[in-house]
Amino acid sequence: MCGVRRLSLIGNDLTAWLLILIFLLSGCQLGSERSFQYVETDCAGCIEALPTNGWCDLCSHGLVAGLIVPSREFHDALDAHGHEVDTETILCNLCREVAREDQFCPRCRHGFVAGQLYFSELTWALARGESAPPDIRCSGCREQVGGLGRCAPCSTYWVGTVRFISTEDADRAAGQYRRLQVALERLSRCSECAIAGFFGYPCRFCSSEPIPNPLQ
């Protein structure tokens, strides 16, 4: 009888530990999702950083299209803003050609918008849209901002906190936005994996494959 009782107690303990483990894993997953998604904030640093894809010193994280980037190294690598450049001094003929039309150079993986040079397809694609204003009046837009979707009343598209009129521009930005989401999921496990995977290289430490580009 004592043996049966002991087994019963062990079984109960095991069940309890399994429930705790499931709860912890669920909590981590939910916390991870919340930490990466755009949320409304009254933080002055985040409000200032949001339209420029900048870094908030108060919160110690970066913002890219509303996604929270907790690593300074990764945020710096994304270099999510434009750079002034004299396109006529660029050595790549294709870059000089696409710069005149605000397009992307598939050879150098650089893009151009309004005379600014962007070093990744993500940042170039986002630059072709318009960052969300601090006060969004349209109820449809308020429902879509921070995710991927279309505002029916305005006939505009949202990729995070960036608004697009063109379906083509929105789709291209959405593919890069999803890649960034995958990289952020990897970041908690391996920072090299996140950075290398996003920029098209396998990870040297965990052997993870590059993140597909584009990601549908």
Protein backbone atom coordinates (compact mmCIF):
# COMPACT_ATOMS: atom_id res chain seq x y z
CA MET A 1 0.00 0.00 0.00
CA CYS A 2 2.86 2.37 0.91
CA GLY A 3 4.50 1.61 -2.42
CA VAL A 4 1.29 2.39 -4.27
CA ARG A 5 0.87 5.61 -2.32
CA ARG A 6 4.46 6.61 -3.04
CA LEU A 7 3.97 5.99 -6.76
CA SER A 8 0.81 8.05 -6.63
CA LEU A 9 2.66 10.93 -5.00
CA ILE A 10 5.44 10.70 -7.55
CA GLY A 11 2.85 10.73 -10.31
CA ASN A 12 1.19 13.79 -8.82
CA ASP A 13 4.55 15.54 -8.46
CA LEU A 14 5.42 14.70 -12.05
CA THR A 15 2.07 16.03 -13.25
CA ALA A 16 2.59 19.22 -11.26
CA TRP A 17 6.05 19.73 -12.69
CA LEU A 18 4.76 19.14 -16.21
CA LEU A 19 2.01 21.70 -15.66
CA ILE A 20 4.55 24.20 -14.32
CA LEU A 21 6.83 23.55 -17.29
CA ILE A 22 3.98 24.03 -19.77
CA PHE A 23 2.99 27.23 -17.99
CA LEU A 24 6.54 28.57 -18.05
CA LEU A 25 7.01 27.71 -21.71
CA SER A 26 3.69 29.28 -22.60
CA GLY A 27 4.56 32.36 -20.62
CA CYS A 28 7.93 32.67 -22.35
CA GLN A 29 6.32 32.27 -25.74
CA LEU A 30 3.67 34.86 -25.04
CA GLY A 31 6.25 37.19 -23.54
CA SER A 32 8.41 36.76 -26.63
CA GLU A 33 5.53 37.62 -28.92
CA ARG A 34 4.60 40.66 -26.88
CA SER A 35 8.19 41.88 -26.74
CA PHE A 36 8.57 41.86 -30.51
CA GLN A 37 5.24 43.32 -31.52
CA TYR A 38 4.39 47.00 -31.65
CA VAL A 39 2.54 48.24 -28.60
CA GLU A 40 1.33 51.74 -27.84
CA THR A 41 3.69 53.49 -25.50
CA ASP A 42 4.08 56.77 -23.67
CA CYS A 43 7.88 56.42 -23.48
CA ALA A 44 9.39 59.61 -24.91
CA GLY A 45 12.45 57.73 -26.18
CA CYS A 46 10.37 55.14 -28.04
CA ILE A 47 8.09 57.80 -29.52
CA GLU A 48 11.15 59.61 -30.86
CA ALA A 49 12.84 56.43 -32.12
CA LEU A 50 9.77 54.89 -33.77
CA PRO A 51 9.60 56.96 -37.01
CA THR A 52 13.38 56.78 -37.55
CA ASN A 53 13.85 53.10 -36.63
CA GLY A 54 16.12 54.36 -33.90
CA TRP A 55 17.30 53.28 -30.46
CA CYS A 56 15.59 54.13 -27.19
CA ASP A 57 18.16 54.69 -24.44
CA LEU A 58 15.43 54.75 -21.80
CA CYS A 59 14.24 51.24 -22.68
CA SER A 60 17.57 49.93 -24.02
CA HIS A 61 16.06 48.57 -27.21
CA GLY A 62 15.76 49.53 -30.85
CA LEU A 63 12.69 49.83 -33.02
CA VAL A 64 12.32 48.80 -36.66
CA ALA A 65 8.86 49.21 -38.18
CA GLY A 66 7.55 48.94 -34.64
CA LEU A 67 9.30 45.63 -33.90
CA ILE A 68 11.39 45.75 -30.75
CA VAL A 69 15.04 44.80 -31.26
CA PRO A 70 16.56 44.08 -27.83
CA SER A 71 20.14 43.72 -29.09
CA ARG A 72 22.20 46.85 -29.80
CA GLU A 73 24.56 44.78 -31.96
CA PHE A 74 21.72 43.49 -34.12
CA HIS A 75 20.04 46.88 -34.33
CA ASP A 76 23.30 48.49 -35.43
CA ALA A 77 23.80 45.76 -38.02
CA LEU A 78 20.33 46.42 -39.44
CA ASP A 79 21.35 50.07 -39.94
CA ALA A 80 17.68 50.87 -40.45
CA HIS A 81 17.99 54.38 -41.83
CA GLY A 82 19.17 56.09 -44.98
CA HIS A 83 22.57 57.59 -45.75
CA GLU A 84 23.36 60.62 -47.85
CA VAL A 85 25.37 59.61 -50.90
CA ASP A 86 26.48 61.11 -54.19
CA THR A 87 25.18 58.44 -56.55
CA GLU A 88 27.49 59.58 -59.34
CA THR A 89 30.50 58.49 -57.26
CA ILE A 90 29.22 54.92 -56.85
CA LEU A 91 31.34 52.41 -58.76
CA CYS A 92 28.49 50.01 -59.54
CA ASN A 93 26.80 51.00 -62.80
CA LEU A 94 23.60 49.20 -61.84
CA CYS A 95 23.45 51.09 -58.53
CA ARG A 96 23.72 54.41 -60.35
CA GLU A 97 20.94 53.31 -62.69
CA VAL A 98 18.49 52.12 -60.01
CA ALA A 99 19.21 55.14 -57.81
CA ARG A 100 17.52 57.38 -60.39
CA GLU A 101 14.29 55.38 -59.99
CA ASP A 102 14.42 54.71 -56.23
CA GLN A 103 14.94 51.01 -56.88
CA PHE A 104 17.01 48.16 -55.45
CA CYS A 105 20.29 46.83 -56.80
CA PRO A 106 20.16 43.00 -56.76
CA ARG A 107 23.91 42.83 -57.34
CA CYS A 108 25.04 44.92 -54.36
CA ARG A 109 21.90 44.41 -52.26
CA HIS A 110 21.56 48.17 -51.78
CA GLY A 111 18.51 50.32 -52.38
CA PHE A 112 17.83 54.00 -52.94
CA VAL A 113 14.95 56.25 -51.96
CA ALA A 114 14.95 60.03 -52.47
CA GLY A 115 18.72 60.20 -52.77
CA GLN A 116 19.29 58.11 -49.66
CA LEU A 117 21.22 54.84 -49.70
CA TYR A 118 19.85 51.86 -47.74
CA PHE A 119 22.10 48.90 -47.03
CA SER A 120 19.47 46.15 -46.87
CA GLU A 121 16.30 45.20 -48.69
CA LEU A 122 14.41 45.51 -45.40
CA THR A 123 15.32 49.13 -44.79
CA TRP A 124 14.93 50.08 -48.45
CA ALA A 125 11.48 48.46 -48.61
CA LEU A 126 10.33 50.22 -45.44
CA ALA A 127 11.64 53.56 -46.72
CA ARG A 128 9.23 53.31 -49.64
CA GLY A 129 6.34 53.62 -47.19
CA GLU A 130 5.32 56.23 -44.65
CA SER A 131 5.86 55.89 -40.92
CA ALA A 132 2.70 56.01 -38.82
CA PRO A 133 1.88 59.42 -37.34
CA PRO A 134 1.60 59.58 -33.53
CA ASP A 135 -2.16 60.15 -33.77
CA ILE A 136 -3.94 57.85 -36.23
CA ARG A 137 -7.48 59.06 -36.78
CA CYS A 138 -8.75 56.28 -39.05
CA SER A 139 -10.25 53.43 -37.01
CA GLY A 140 -9.34 50.92 -39.73
CA CYS A 141 -5.71 51.98 -39.65
CA ARG A 142 -5.64 51.84 -35.86
CA GLU A 143 -6.74 48.20 -36.09
CA GLN A 144 -3.99 47.31 -38.57
CA VAL A 145 -1.00 49.31 -37.32
CA GLY A 146 1.63 47.17 -35.67
CA GLY A 147 0.91 44.10 -37.79
CA LEU A 148 0.43 43.07 -41.39
CA GLY A 149 -2.88 44.02 -42.95
CA ARG A 150 -5.00 46.28 -45.11
CA CYS A 151 -7.17 49.17 -44.03
CA ALA A 152 -10.37 48.83 -46.07
CA PRO A 153 -11.65 52.42 -45.54
CA CYS A 154 -8.31 53.93 -46.65
CA SER A 155 -7.29 51.23 -49.14
CA THR A 156 -3.81 51.32 -47.63
CA TYR A 157 -1.57 48.56 -46.34
CA TRP A 158 0.30 48.28 -43.05
CA VAL A 159 3.61 46.58 -42.42
CA GLY A 160 4.24 47.08 -38.74
CA THR A 161 4.11 50.82 -38.21
CA VAL A 162 4.73 51.70 -41.87
CA ARG A 163 1.87 52.50 -44.24
CA PHE A 164 1.89 51.77 -47.98
CA ILE A 165 -0.33 52.74 -50.88
CA SER A 166 1.19 50.30 -53.37
CA THR A 167 0.37 46.60 -52.97
CA GLU A 168 3.71 45.68 -54.53
CA ASP A 169 5.66 47.85 -52.09
CA ALA A 170 3.67 46.50 -49.14
CA ASP A 171 4.21 42.87 -50.18
CA ARG A 172 7.94 43.37 -50.56
CA ALA A 173 8.21 45.08 -47.18
CA ALA A 174 6.04 42.39 -45.57
CA GLY A 175 8.39 39.65 -46.76
CA GLN A 176 11.32 41.42 -45.12
CA TYR A 177 9.30 42.18 -41.99
CA ARG A 178 8.58 38.46 -41.58
CA ARG A 179 12.28 37.70 -41.99
CA LEU A 180 13.05 40.14 -39.19
CA GLN A 181 10.45 38.45 -36.99
CA VAL A 182 12.19 35.10 -37.54
CA ALA A 183 15.58 36.67 -36.78
CA LEU A 184 14.23 38.10 -33.53
CA GLU A 185 12.95 34.67 -32.54
CA ARG A 186 16.45 33.30 -33.14
CA LEU A 187 18.05 36.16 -31.24
CA SER A 188 17.02 34.82 -27.83
CA ARG A 189 18.90 31.58 -28.57
CA CYS A 190 21.91 32.76 -30.56
CA SER A 191 22.80 36.32 -31.55
CA GLU A 192 25.12 35.17 -34.34
CA CYS A 193 22.32 33.02 -35.74
CA ALA A 194 19.97 36.01 -35.87
CA ILE A 195 22.42 38.34 -37.58
CA ALA A 196 23.96 35.80 -39.96
CA GLY A 197 20.60 34.28 -40.85
CA PHE A 198 19.03 37.64 -41.62
CA PHE A 199 21.87 38.66 -43.90
CA GLY A 200 21.83 35.36 -45.78
CA TYR A 201 24.54 33.30 -44.08
CA PRO A 202 24.45 30.07 -42.06
CA CYS A 203 25.31 30.34 -38.38
CA ARG A 204 28.84 29.21 -37.47
CA PHE A 205 27.78 28.02 -34.01
CA CYS A 206 24.36 26.36 -34.35
CA SER A 207 24.47 25.57 -38.10
CA SER A 208 21.06 27.16 -38.69
CA GLU A 209 20.28 27.90 -42.31
CA PRO A 210 19.89 31.47 -43.64
CA ILE A 211 16.41 32.92 -43.34
CA PRO A 212 14.70 32.56 -46.75
CA ASN A 213 14.47 35.73 -48.80
CA PRO A 214 11.77 36.66 -49.40
CA LEU A 215 9.76 35.02 -46.63
CA GLN A 216 6.13 34.56 -47.58
